[in-house]
Amino acid sequence: MRYLVQHTTRYLYYELVPVCHNEVRLAPRSFGRQNRASFELRVEPSPAVIGCRQDYFGNQVNFFSLHEGHRELVVAGSSTVDLEPAATLEPEGTMPWEQVRDSLQSDRSPIALDAFQFAFNSPRVHASRDLAEYAAHSFTPNRPWLAAALELTQRIHSDFAYDQTATSVTTSLDEAFRLRRGVCQDFAHIQIGCLRSLGLPARYVSGYLLTTPPPGKLRQIGCDASHAWLSMYAPDLGWVDFDPTNNVIPSMQHITVAWGRDYDDICPIRGVFVGGGNHTMTVAVDLRPLMHNGPATEAS
């Protein structure tokens, strides 16, 4: 299936901004079952400097600078993405979770070494006894790792309330865990923390979620959502995604943009500006299925 993704962020400043520097991670990744067929970034006003690079984790980073005064900034990314369904998995047929943990201690293959870096603390996610104890209810001795991870996903979905007013982008993992409330970013960080507290590698994933209107209602343009979930690595299956917010393994409703250790590695838009005073920000995301036109050459 081919999808069109449009992500528009608009900043309105109360005072003139003479200069700003920004970097964005809005270009979906190409990997396995997902191929980015095209990506276009539009910035208004027109930037004085614009470029593109790849970060440490292989995510595309577009950067730009504005050197003229402005009171409004629009950053819009438009992508087409081809997506295949996730493979059907057999949770009870996977290796014991302790074997996953122990194998990474000795496996020196490139893929294992790459995965192993996601087993350690990162700026937003720290292992803790509380997280380990919470995870241990699912990760019982010798249990197949995928069965345990799916149960942990389900428990976070059930035990934590989705509440957009309870946390902010700066809320710590420990605070969200204590509150038992939050949003997708919080739930992804919590599950990553649980897995890392057991010595298992897990990474943070950002992307988009296709929303479905209630029966009898028309689909509203711009009301889809930026989203966050996580992946866990095991030698028998590689990386497998989990979405604790929705209690699913992501498949045809999730478009992956970037991955890293936690949110700080892959913030969609980050920058600095001079002046401007107070400002407001609005975000609109639209994710639409299109007819599949066959393979396309990736563009950036």
C-alpha atoms as a PDB file:
ATOM      1  CA  MET A   1       0.000   0.000   0.000  1.00  0.00           C
ATOM      2  CA  ARG A   2       1.179   3.509  -0.805  1.00  0.00           C
ATOM      3  CA  TYR A   3       0.559   6.379   1.622  1.00  0.00           C
ATOM      4  CA  LEU A   4       0.767  10.146   1.338  1.00  0.00           C
ATOM      5  CA  VAL A   5       2.037  11.819   4.516  1.00  0.00           C
ATOM      6  CA  GLN A   6       1.787  15.572   5.073  1.00  0.00           C
ATOM      7  CA  HIS A   7       3.117  17.120   8.289  1.00  0.00           C
ATOM      8  CA  THR A   8       2.829  20.904   8.708  1.00  0.00           C
ATOM      9  CA  THR A   9       4.119  22.864  11.701  1.00  0.00           C
ATOM     10  CA  ARG A  10       3.355  26.578  11.983  1.00  0.00           C
ATOM     11  CA  TYR A  11       4.987  28.973  14.458  1.00  0.00           C
ATOM     12  CA  LEU A  12       3.549  32.438  15.135  1.00  0.00           C
ATOM     13  CA  TYR A  13       5.803  34.884  17.011  1.00  0.00           C
ATOM     14  CA  TYR A  14       4.620  37.931  18.948  1.00  0.00           C
ATOM     15  CA  GLU A  15       7.795  39.822  18.048  1.00  0.00           C
ATOM     16  CA  LEU A  16      10.134  39.821  15.066  1.00  0.00           C
ATOM     17  CA  VAL A  17      12.599  36.917  14.793  1.00  0.00           C
ATOM     18  CA  PRO A  18      15.710  38.132  12.920  1.00  0.00           C
ATOM     19  CA  VAL A  19      17.488  34.768  12.721  1.00  0.00           C
ATOM     20  CA  CYS A  20      16.810  31.089  13.444  1.00  0.00           C
ATOM     21  CA  HIS A  21      18.542  27.744  12.935  1.00  0.00           C
ATOM     22  CA  ASN A  22      16.583  24.483  12.803  1.00  0.00           C
ATOM     23  CA  GLU A  23      16.887  20.785  12.062  1.00  0.00           C
ATOM     24  CA  VAL A  24      13.993  18.453  11.304  1.00  0.00           C
ATOM     25  CA  ARG A  25      13.467  14.705  11.170  1.00  0.00           C
ATOM     26  CA  LEU A  26      10.353  14.388   9.038  1.00  0.00           C
ATOM     27  CA  ALA A  27      11.548  12.122   6.210  1.00  0.00           C
ATOM     28  CA  PRO A  28      10.314   8.528   6.702  1.00  0.00           C
ATOM     29  CA  ARG A  29      12.986   5.830   6.736  1.00  0.00           C
ATOM     30  CA  SER A  30      13.404   3.089   4.147  1.00  0.00           C
ATOM     31  CA  PHE A  31      13.922  -0.386   5.599  1.00  0.00           C
ATOM     32  CA  GLY A  32      12.587  -3.925   5.211  1.00  0.00           C
ATOM     33  CA  ARG A  33       8.864  -3.596   4.582  1.00  0.00           C
ATOM     34  CA  GLN A  34       8.838   0.225   4.236  1.00  0.00           C
ATOM     35  CA  ASN A  35      10.167   2.254   1.309  1.00  0.00           C
ATOM     36  CA  ARG A  36      10.164   6.034   1.114  1.00  0.00           C
ATOM     37  CA  ALA A  37       9.317   6.829  -2.502  1.00  0.00           C
ATOM     38  CA  SER A  38       9.599  10.618  -2.161  1.00  0.00           C
ATOM     39  CA  PHE A  39      10.115  13.416   0.342  1.00  0.00           C
ATOM     40  CA  GLU A  40       9.859  17.183  -0.028  1.00  0.00           C
ATOM     41  CA  LEU A  41      10.485  19.817   2.628  1.00  0.00           C
ATOM     42  CA  ARG A  42       8.905  23.260   2.297  1.00  0.00           C
ATOM     43  CA  VAL A  43      10.022  26.132   4.532  1.00  0.00           C
ATOM     44  CA  GLU A  44       8.437  29.603   4.558  1.00  0.00           C
ATOM     45  CA  PRO A  45       9.986  32.176   4.509  1.00  0.00           C
ATOM     46  CA  SER A  46      12.604  30.800   2.151  1.00  0.00           C
ATOM     47  CA  PRO A  47      15.756  29.885   4.119  1.00  0.00           C
ATOM     48  CA  ALA A  48      19.173  31.394   3.479  1.00  0.00           C
ATOM     49  CA  VAL A  49      20.830  28.034   4.140  1.00  0.00           C
ATOM     50  CA  ILE A  50      19.314  24.592   3.631  1.00  0.00           C
ATOM     51  CA  GLY A  51      20.848  21.137   3.564  1.00  0.00           C
ATOM     52  CA  CYS A  52      20.544  17.477   4.455  1.00  0.00           C
ATOM     53  CA  ARG A  53      22.618  14.959   6.397  1.00  0.00           C
ATOM     54  CA  GLN A  54      22.302  11.568   8.066  1.00  0.00           C
ATOM     55  CA  ASP A  55      22.545  11.251  11.837  1.00  0.00           C
ATOM     56  CA  TYR A  56      24.323   8.545  13.854  1.00  0.00           C
ATOM     57  CA  PHE A  57      21.272   6.263  13.740  1.00  0.00           C
ATOM     58  CA  GLY A  58      20.794   6.594   9.986  1.00  0.00           C
ATOM     59  CA  ASN A  59      17.848   8.998  10.131  1.00  0.00           C
ATOM     60  CA  GLN A  60      17.600  11.758   7.528  1.00  0.00           C
ATOM     61  CA  VAL A  61      18.086  15.213   9.048  1.00  0.00           C
ATOM     62  CA  ASN A  62      17.172  18.319   7.060  1.00  0.00           C
ATOM     63  CA  PHE A  63      18.536  21.609   8.383  1.00  0.00           C
ATOM     64  CA  PHE A  64      17.973  25.256   7.499  1.00  0.00           C
ATOM     65  CA  SER A  65      18.675  28.812   8.668  1.00  0.00           C
ATOM     66  CA  LEU A  66      16.666  31.998   8.181  1.00  0.00           C
ATOM     67  CA  HIS A  67      18.564  35.281   8.198  1.00  0.00           C
ATOM     68  CA  GLU A  68      15.666  37.662   7.567  1.00  0.00           C
ATOM     69  CA  GLY A  69      13.099  38.981  10.018  1.00  0.00           C
ATOM     70  CA  HIS A  70       9.889  36.985  10.276  1.00  0.00           C
ATOM     71  CA  ARG A  71       6.867  36.627  12.555  1.00  0.00           C
ATOM     72  CA  GLU A  72       5.682  33.334  11.097  1.00  0.00           C
ATOM     73  CA  LEU A  73       7.544  30.128  10.228  1.00  0.00           C
ATOM     74  CA  VAL A  74       6.012  27.208   8.336  1.00  0.00           C
ATOM     75  CA  VAL A  75       7.795  23.848   8.107  1.00  0.00           C
ATOM     76  CA  ALA A  76       5.985  21.295   5.950  1.00  0.00           C
ATOM     77  CA  GLY A  77       7.128  17.800   5.044  1.00  0.00           C
ATOM     78  CA  SER A  78       5.381  15.797   2.316  1.00  0.00           C
ATOM     79  CA  SER A  79       6.197  12.127   1.694  1.00  0.00           C
ATOM     80  CA  THR A  80       4.970   9.122  -0.231  1.00  0.00           C
ATOM     81  CA  VAL A  81       5.682   5.785   1.406  1.00  0.00           C
ATOM     82  CA  ASP A  82       5.169   2.187   0.287  1.00  0.00           C
ATOM     83  CA  LEU A  83       4.360  -0.171   3.150  1.00  0.00           C
ATOM     84  CA  GLU A  84       3.998  -3.941   3.392  1.00  0.00           C
ATOM     85  CA  PRO A  85       2.253  -5.785   6.252  1.00  0.00           C
ATOM     86  CA  ALA A  86       4.303  -6.945   9.212  1.00  0.00           C
ATOM     87  CA  ALA A  87       5.112 -10.652   9.268  1.00  0.00           C
ATOM     88  CA  THR A  88       2.916 -13.019  11.282  1.00  0.00           C
ATOM     89  CA  LEU A  89       4.807 -14.040  14.414  1.00  0.00           C
ATOM     90  CA  GLU A  90       4.550 -17.021  16.766  1.00  0.00           C
ATOM     91  CA  PRO A  91       5.159 -15.645  20.275  1.00  0.00           C
ATOM     92  CA  GLU A  92       5.505 -19.012  22.002  1.00  0.00           C
ATOM     93  CA  GLY A  93       8.073 -20.181  19.459  1.00  0.00           C
ATOM     94  CA  THR A  94      10.658 -17.514  20.281  1.00  0.00           C
ATOM     95  CA  MET A  95      13.766 -18.039  22.393  1.00  0.00           C
ATOM     96  CA  PRO A  96      13.743 -17.555  26.190  1.00  0.00           C
ATOM     97  CA  TRP A  97      14.235 -13.931  27.113  1.00  0.00           C
ATOM     98  CA  GLU A  98      17.283 -14.710  29.271  1.00  0.00           C
ATOM     99  CA  GLN A  99      18.953 -16.211  26.208  1.00  0.00           C
ATOM    100  CA  VAL A 100      18.335 -12.979  24.305  1.00  0.00           C
ATOM    101  CA  ARG A 101      19.967 -10.995  27.104  1.00  0.00           C
ATOM    102  CA  ASP A 102      22.932 -13.335  27.497  1.00  0.00           C
ATOM    103  CA  SER A 103      23.618 -13.752  23.770  1.00  0.00           C
ATOM    104  CA  LEU A 104      24.308 -10.041  23.371  1.00  0.00           C
ATOM    105  CA  GLN A 105      27.101 -10.262  25.919  1.00  0.00           C
ATOM    106  CA  SER A 106      29.181 -12.424  23.559  1.00  0.00           C
ATOM    107  CA  ASP A 107      27.847 -11.887  20.031  1.00  0.00           C
ATOM    108  CA  ARG A 108      30.269  -9.662  18.115  1.00  0.00           C
ATOM    109  CA  SER A 109      28.386  -9.604  14.812  1.00  0.00           C
ATOM    110  CA  PRO A 110      27.668  -6.099  13.445  1.00  0.00           C
ATOM    111  CA  ILE A 111      23.904  -6.411  13.904  1.00  0.00           C
ATOM    112  CA  ALA A 112      24.266  -7.609  17.506  1.00  0.00           C
ATOM    113  CA  LEU A 113      26.750  -4.878  18.368  1.00  0.00           C
ATOM    114  CA  ASP A 114      24.411  -2.290  16.870  1.00  0.00           C
ATOM    115  CA  ALA A 115      21.516  -3.656  18.928  1.00  0.00           C
ATOM    116  CA  PHE A 116      23.553  -3.891  22.140  1.00  0.00           C
ATOM    117  CA  GLN A 117      23.967  -0.111  22.362  1.00  0.00           C
ATOM    118  CA  PHE A 118      20.204   0.122  22.952  1.00  0.00           C
ATOM    119  CA  ALA A 119      20.454  -1.967  26.139  1.00  0.00           C
ATOM    120  CA  PHE A 120      22.045   0.868  28.114  1.00  0.00           C
ATOM    121  CA  ASN A 121      20.792   4.039  29.788  1.00  0.00           C
ATOM    122  CA  SER A 122      20.139   7.107  27.651  1.00  0.00           C
ATOM    123  CA  PRO A 123      19.303  10.723  28.571  1.00  0.00           C
ATOM    124  CA  ARG A 124      15.547  10.081  28.886  1.00  0.00           C
ATOM    125  CA  VAL A 125      15.538   6.376  29.856  1.00  0.00           C
ATOM    126  CA  HIS A 126      17.312   4.957  32.903  1.00  0.00           C
ATOM    127  CA  ALA A 127      17.069   1.392  34.184  1.00  0.00           C
ATOM    128  CA  SER A 128      15.628   1.083  37.679  1.00  0.00           C
ATOM    129  CA  ARG A 129      14.552  -1.500  40.230  1.00  0.00           C
ATOM    130  CA  ASP A 130      10.921  -0.337  39.995  1.00  0.00           C
ATOM    131  CA  LEU A 131      10.865  -0.838  36.230  1.00  0.00           C
ATOM    132  CA  ALA A 132      12.579  -4.222  36.501  1.00  0.00           C
ATOM    133  CA  GLU A 133      10.034  -5.379  39.083  1.00  0.00           C
ATOM    134  CA  TYR A 134       7.140  -4.213  36.912  1.00  0.00           C
ATOM    135  CA  ALA A 135       8.564  -6.020  33.868  1.00  0.00           C
ATOM    136  CA  ALA A 136       9.318  -9.192  35.842  1.00  0.00           C
ATOM    137  CA  HIS A 137       5.599  -9.981  36.138  1.00  0.00           C
ATOM    138  CA  SER A 138       5.655 -10.652  32.388  1.00  0.00           C
ATOM    139  CA  PHE A 139       9.250 -11.799  31.965  1.00  0.00           C
ATOM    140  CA  THR A 140       9.041 -14.897  34.133  1.00  0.00           C
ATOM    141  CA  PRO A 141      11.894 -17.467  34.077  1.00  0.00           C
ATOM    142  CA  ASN A 142      12.497 -19.068  30.665  1.00  0.00           C
ATOM    143  CA  ARG A 143       9.440 -17.466  29.085  1.00  0.00           C
ATOM    144  CA  PRO A 144       9.620 -16.895  25.292  1.00  0.00           C
ATOM    145  CA  TRP A 145      10.658 -13.287  24.848  1.00  0.00           C
ATOM    146  CA  LEU A 146       7.941 -12.291  22.358  1.00  0.00           C
ATOM    147  CA  ALA A 147       5.150 -13.682  24.531  1.00  0.00           C
ATOM    148  CA  ALA A 148       6.570 -11.755  27.486  1.00  0.00           C
ATOM    149  CA  ALA A 149       6.987  -8.528  25.494  1.00  0.00           C
ATOM    150  CA  LEU A 150       3.427  -8.713  24.167  1.00  0.00           C
ATOM    151  CA  GLU A 151       2.078  -9.178  27.681  1.00  0.00           C
ATOM    152  CA  LEU A 152       4.146  -6.225  28.909  1.00  0.00           C
ATOM    153  CA  THR A 153       2.726  -4.115  26.063  1.00  0.00           C
ATOM    154  CA  GLN A 154      -0.809  -5.128  27.050  1.00  0.00           C
ATOM    155  CA  ARG A 155      -0.202  -4.375  30.734  1.00  0.00           C
ATOM    156  CA  ILE A 156       1.130  -0.874  30.037  1.00  0.00           C
ATOM    157  CA  HIS A 157      -1.883  -0.264  27.804  1.00  0.00           C
ATOM    158  CA  SER A 158      -4.214  -1.382  30.622  1.00  0.00           C
ATOM    159  CA  ASP A 159      -2.401   0.035  33.657  1.00  0.00           C
ATOM    160  CA  PHE A 160      -1.662   3.517  32.281  1.00  0.00           C
ATOM    161  CA  ALA A 161      -4.321   6.035  31.252  1.00  0.00           C
ATOM    162  CA  TYR A 162      -3.932   8.059  28.060  1.00  0.00           C
ATOM    163  CA  ASP A 163      -4.150  11.666  29.263  1.00  0.00           C
ATOM    164  CA  GLN A 164      -2.811  14.561  27.191  1.00  0.00           C
ATOM    165  CA  THR A 165      -3.023  16.916  30.177  1.00  0.00           C
ATOM    166  CA  ALA A 166      -1.018  14.765  32.619  1.00  0.00           C
ATOM    167  CA  THR A 167       2.455  15.154  31.117  1.00  0.00           C
ATOM    168  CA  SER A 168       4.483  17.378  28.808  1.00  0.00           C
ATOM    169  CA  VAL A 169       7.386  16.799  26.451  1.00  0.00           C
ATOM    170  CA  THR A 170       9.767  17.362  29.387  1.00  0.00           C
ATOM    171  CA  THR A 171       8.114  14.929  31.833  1.00  0.00           C
ATOM    172  CA  SER A 172      10.562  12.316  33.090  1.00  0.00           C
ATOM    173  CA  LEU A 173      10.057   8.576  32.783  1.00  0.00           C
ATOM    174  CA  ASP A 174       9.963   8.226  36.578  1.00  0.00           C
ATOM    175  CA  GLU A 175       7.242  10.866  36.900  1.00  0.00           C
ATOM    176  CA  ALA A 176       5.077   9.305  34.165  1.00  0.00           C
ATOM    177  CA  PHE A 177       5.552   5.868  35.740  1.00  0.00           C
ATOM    178  CA  ARG A 178       4.450   7.250  39.118  1.00  0.00           C
ATOM    179  CA  LEU A 179       1.434   9.048  37.665  1.00  0.00           C
ATOM    180  CA  ARG A 180       0.317   6.003  35.647  1.00  0.00           C
ATOM    181  CA  ARG A 181      -0.839   8.526  33.031  1.00  0.00           C
ATOM    182  CA  GLY A 182       0.599  10.132  29.920  1.00  0.00           C
ATOM    183  CA  VAL A 183       0.826   9.952  26.145  1.00  0.00           C
ATOM    184  CA  CYS A 184       2.541   7.790  23.550  1.00  0.00           C
ATOM    185  CA  GLN A 185       5.995   9.257  24.252  1.00  0.00           C
ATOM    186  CA  ASP A 186       5.669   8.387  27.946  1.00  0.00           C
ATOM    187  CA  PHE A 187       4.420   4.850  27.331  1.00  0.00           C
ATOM    188  CA  ALA A 188       7.214   4.146  24.839  1.00  0.00           C
ATOM    189  CA  HIS A 189       9.829   5.409  27.310  1.00  0.00           C
ATOM    190  CA  ILE A 190       8.314   3.307  30.110  1.00  0.00           C
ATOM    191  CA  GLN A 191       8.358   0.085  28.098  1.00  0.00           C
ATOM    192  CA  ILE A 192      11.893   0.779  26.854  1.00  0.00           C
ATOM    193  CA  GLY A 193      12.940   1.366  30.461  1.00  0.00           C
ATOM    194  CA  CYS A 194      11.339  -1.907  31.550  1.00  0.00           C
ATOM    195  CA  LEU A 195      13.170  -3.871  28.863  1.00  0.00           C
ATOM    196  CA  ARG A 196      16.534  -2.200  29.470  1.00  0.00           C
ATOM    197  CA  SER A 197      16.141  -2.802  33.204  1.00  0.00           C
ATOM    198  CA  LEU A 198      16.204  -6.523  32.341  1.00  0.00           C
ATOM    199  CA  GLY A 199      19.241  -6.105  30.084  1.00  0.00           C
ATOM    200  CA  LEU A 200      17.245  -6.243  26.840  1.00  0.00           C
ATOM    201  CA  PRO A 201      17.854  -3.855  23.907  1.00  0.00           C
ATOM    202  CA  ALA A 202      15.015  -1.505  22.987  1.00  0.00           C
ATOM    203  CA  ARG A 203      14.888   1.659  20.897  1.00  0.00           C
ATOM    204  CA  TYR A 204      12.471   4.572  20.562  1.00  0.00           C
ATOM    205  CA  VAL A 205      10.576   4.944  17.268  1.00  0.00           C
ATOM    206  CA  SER A 206       8.819   8.043  15.943  1.00  0.00           C
ATOM    207  CA  GLY A 207       6.349   8.111  13.105  1.00  0.00           C
ATOM    208  CA  TYR A 208       2.724   8.525  12.137  1.00  0.00           C
ATOM    209  CA  LEU A 209      -0.483   6.711  12.975  1.00  0.00           C
ATOM    210  CA  LEU A 210      -3.382   6.426  10.542  1.00  0.00           C
ATOM    211  CA  THR A 211      -6.588   7.259  12.400  1.00  0.00           C
ATOM    212  CA  THR A 212     -10.033   5.917  11.568  1.00  0.00           C
ATOM    213  CA  PRO A 213     -13.119   8.144  11.989  1.00  0.00           C
ATOM    214  CA  PRO A 214     -16.077   6.864  14.032  1.00  0.00           C
ATOM    215  CA  PRO A 215     -18.795   5.038  12.066  1.00  0.00           C
ATOM    216  CA  GLY A 216     -20.861   7.478  10.047  1.00  0.00           C
ATOM    217  CA  LYS A 217     -18.329  10.297  10.360  1.00  0.00           C
ATOM    218  CA  LEU A 218     -16.219  11.755   7.562  1.00  0.00           C
ATOM    219  CA  ARG A 219     -12.457  11.626   7.819  1.00  0.00           C
ATOM    220  CA  GLN A 220     -11.037  15.057   8.754  1.00  0.00           C
ATOM    221  CA  ILE A 221      -7.957  16.316   6.928  1.00  0.00           C
ATOM    222  CA  GLY A 222      -5.030  17.095   9.230  1.00  0.00           C
ATOM    223  CA  CYS A 223      -6.303  15.102  12.205  1.00  0.00           C
ATOM    224  CA  ASP A 224      -3.970  12.133  12.010  1.00  0.00           C
ATOM    225  CA  ALA A 225      -1.179  12.056  14.535  1.00  0.00           C
ATOM    226  CA  SER A 226       2.520  12.034  15.108  1.00  0.00           C
ATOM    227  CA  HIS A 227       3.118   8.928  17.162  1.00  0.00           C
ATOM    228  CA  ALA A 228       5.758   7.062  19.136  1.00  0.00           C
ATOM    229  CA  TRP A 229       6.346   3.408  19.902  1.00  0.00           C
ATOM    230  CA  LEU A 230       9.343   1.113  20.423  1.00  0.00           C
ATOM    231  CA  SER A 231      11.290  -1.821  19.007  1.00  0.00           C
ATOM    232  CA  MET A 232      12.985  -4.689  20.821  1.00  0.00           C
ATOM    233  CA  TYR A 233      15.791  -6.767  19.322  1.00  0.00           C
ATOM    234  CA  ALA A 234      16.278 -10.528  19.596  1.00  0.00           C
ATOM    235  CA  PRO A 235      18.603 -12.742  17.507  1.00  0.00           C
ATOM    236  CA  ASP A 236      15.824 -15.037  16.258  1.00  0.00           C
ATOM    237  CA  LEU A 237      13.549 -12.320  14.808  1.00  0.00           C
ATOM    238  CA  GLY A 238      15.606  -9.138  14.690  1.00  0.00           C
ATOM    239  CA  TRP A 239      13.799  -5.914  15.574  1.00  0.00           C
ATOM    240  CA  VAL A 240      10.092  -6.198  16.433  1.00  0.00           C
ATOM    241  CA  ASP A 241       7.900  -3.134  17.035  1.00  0.00           C
ATOM    242  CA  PHE A 242       5.428  -2.705  19.905  1.00  0.00           C
ATOM    243  CA  ASP A 243       2.862   0.058  20.401  1.00  0.00           C
ATOM    244  CA  PRO A 244       1.786   0.153  24.066  1.00  0.00           C
ATOM    245  CA  THR A 245      -0.531   3.119  23.476  1.00  0.00           C
ATOM    246  CA  ASN A 246      -2.736   0.973  21.242  1.00  0.00           C
ATOM    247  CA  ASN A 247      -1.668  -2.522  22.383  1.00  0.00           C
ATOM    248  CA  VAL A 248      -0.630  -3.671  18.902  1.00  0.00           C
ATOM    249  CA  ILE A 249       2.361  -4.753  16.880  1.00  0.00           C
ATOM    250  CA  PRO A 250       2.597  -1.918  14.315  1.00  0.00           C
ATOM    251  CA  SER A 251       1.751  -2.915  10.769  1.00  0.00           C
ATOM    252  CA  MET A 252      -0.294  -1.107   8.124  1.00  0.00           C
ATOM    253  CA  GLN A 253      -1.366   1.896  10.236  1.00  0.00           C
ATOM    254  CA  HIS A 254       2.126   2.948  11.365  1.00  0.00           C
ATOM    255  CA  ILE A 255       4.655   4.856   9.225  1.00  0.00           C
ATOM    256  CA  THR A 256       8.178   4.922  10.697  1.00  0.00           C
ATOM    257  CA  VAL A 257      10.116   8.195  10.466  1.00  0.00           C
ATOM    258  CA  ALA A 258      13.113   7.752  12.769  1.00  0.00           C
ATOM    259  CA  TRP A 259      14.567   5.722  15.611  1.00  0.00           C
ATOM    260  CA  GLY A 260      17.065   6.364  18.381  1.00  0.00           C
ATOM    261  CA  ARG A 261      17.704   5.740  22.067  1.00  0.00           C
ATOM    262  CA  ASP A 262      14.838   7.975  23.231  1.00  0.00           C
ATOM    263  CA  TYR A 263      12.848  11.056  22.228  1.00  0.00           C
ATOM    264  CA  ASP A 264      15.814  13.415  22.541  1.00  0.00           C
ATOM    265  CA  ASP A 265      17.630  11.636  19.700  1.00  0.00           C
ATOM    266  CA  ILE A 266      14.817  12.077  17.191  1.00  0.00           C
ATOM    267  CA  CYS A 267      12.765  15.141  18.095  1.00  0.00           C
ATOM    268  CA  PRO A 268      10.827  16.025  14.882  1.00  0.00           C
ATOM    269  CA  ILE A 269      11.795  19.712  14.917  1.00  0.00           C
ATOM    270  CA  ARG A 270      14.541  21.281  16.994  1.00  0.00           C
ATOM    271  CA  GLY A 271      16.054  24.741  16.740  1.00  0.00           C
ATOM    272  CA  VAL A 272      17.087  28.055  18.226  1.00  0.00           C
ATOM    273  CA  PHE A 273      15.981  31.590  17.402  1.00  0.00           C
ATOM    274  CA  VAL A 274      16.782  35.153  18.427  1.00  0.00           C
ATOM    275  CA  GLY A 275      13.985  37.436  19.600  1.00  0.00           C
ATOM    276  CA  GLY A 276      10.384  36.538  18.890  1.00  0.00           C
ATOM    277  CA  GLY A 277       9.102  36.789  22.459  1.00  0.00           C
ATOM    278  CA  ASN A 278       6.244  34.411  23.165  1.00  0.00           C
ATOM    279  CA  HIS A 279       5.048  32.196  20.355  1.00  0.00           C
ATOM    280  CA  THR A 280       2.386  29.652  19.478  1.00  0.00           C
ATOM    281  CA  MET A 281       2.771  26.409  17.552  1.00  0.00           C
ATOM    282  CA  THR A 282       0.185  24.391  15.635  1.00  0.00           C
ATOM    283  CA  VAL A 283       0.726  20.996  14.023  1.00  0.00           C
ATOM    284  CA  ALA A 284      -1.397  19.269  11.381  1.00  0.00           C
ATOM    285  CA  VAL A 285      -0.733  15.716  10.189  1.00  0.00           C
ATOM    286  CA  ASP A 286      -2.527  14.011   7.325  1.00  0.00           C
ATOM    287  CA  LEU A 287      -1.892  10.359   6.427  1.00  0.00           C
ATOM    288  CA  ARG A 288      -3.833   9.002   3.458  1.00  0.00           C
ATOM    289  CA  PRO A 289      -3.748   5.628   1.689  1.00  0.00           C
ATOM    290  CA  LEU A 290      -3.173   5.908  -2.068  1.00  0.00           C
ATOM    291  CA  MET A 291      -3.269   3.416  -4.921  1.00  0.00           C
ATOM    292  CA  HIS A 292      -0.081   1.343  -5.040  1.00  0.00           C
ATOM    293  CA  ASN A 293       1.843   2.409  -8.122  1.00  0.00           C
ATOM    294  CA  GLY A 294       4.668  -0.105  -7.839  1.00  0.00           C
ATOM    295  CA  PRO A 295       8.290   0.489  -6.883  1.00  0.00           C
ATOM    296  CA  ALA A 296       9.667   4.010  -7.022  1.00  0.00           C
ATOM    297  CA  THR A 297      13.115   5.478  -6.755  1.00  0.00           C
ATOM    298  CA  GLU A 298      13.703   7.124  -3.397  1.00  0.00           C
ATOM    299  CA  ALA A 299      14.025  10.881  -3.525  1.00  0.00           C
ATOM    300  CA  SER A 300      15.212  13.318  -0.892  1.00  0.00           C
END
